[in-house]
Amino acid sequence: MDSKICLLAFALILVSIGPVCAQSIASQYVDPHNEARREVNVPDLQWDDDLAQFAQDHANSQANTDDCRLVHSDSGYGENLYWTSANSGPPSDAVAAWVDEKNDYSISTNSCNAGKVCGHYTQVVWRSTQRVGCASASCPGGGTFVGCNYDPPGNYVGERPY
């Protein structure tokens, strides 16, 4: 009798933690985007399967090059790219790298600090952007290529992200 109770308790624990362990790839990308967007009071992004497929096609294409170059797709979408030497990792690592550029962005001047890059961050928080789709691919020499595409795009010269 005791073993049945223990088995039932174990099953209940697995059911209760299952959703946490099985967080979707989409939410692993979207949630950190939306956390950054909420910090500056802009609307949440929604996942878009078409953008994700476009991002996957581009990631696969770049992963098929010898050096897995970070070359933009020139698609008309907004786009952030990331490469890590790790052969895998959580999608949130890429988004965190882009959001970390917040420290190099000045809202008062609407520009990056001297010698710094901040355009990945401003795309993440671009107010009029509504949809995002992301994907990754393993590089033949090791590492991982990650890309997110945004619609409508952001980073228009002279315009503020929020």
Foldseek 3Di string as FASTA:
>chain_A
DVVVVVVVVVVVVCVVCVCVVCPDLQCLQQVLLQVLQVVVPADGAAEDPVQQVVQAVVQVVLLPDQVSDPDDPPPQWAKDKDKDQAQDDGPNVSVVVLLVQVVQADQVVRDGHPPGDNVSNLFSNQRPWHYKHKDKDAHPVGIMMIMMTIPPTDDDPPDHRD
